[in-house]
């Protein structure tokens, strides 16, 4: 069975202390608690020889999104880089795909469809649950993919929106939330 792990937006601007969008309303790094499970899933994907895809928010400085959110994940900045705790896990001989995106969905203006050709299961971890994770899972489910989202492997700076998104993924979209 061909499986893929999507690691969505585990980037410095969302996941590190210096990150522009890393803090929740309590001033805590909201992604910090999910990093151990994300690491576990990456190691599992490597061991089981799953396809591994890192998807990264990546914007031009004048992107329209900055009318809604602060400047973040700008091309070429440290904020747009995958956190080191994850890249340090990758063996040099493992084929890894890296996609950059400019919108919430990981499908918009990317070759994700091509990479998922023939894949039977897609597993999802990352941030933000109610934004990029939700809109990517929505498109996966609309393509009739078998999708598993790890409850302890996704996070958002907005806890109520996080819970709502997980519920929508499970009850409306038909994703398996474990």
Foldseek 3Di string as FASTA:
>chain_A
DAEEEEAEAQFCLCAPLPHVNQAAPVRDRFQVQQVVVVQVVVVVCVVVVHAYEYEWEEDDQPDPCCVPPPDARYPPDRRRDRDPVRVVSDDPPRDHHYHYDHALASPPPTCVVVVCVPHQEYEYAYDDLLTNVLNNLLVCLVVVHAYEYELSRHTHSDVVSNVVSVCCSCPPSPHHYD
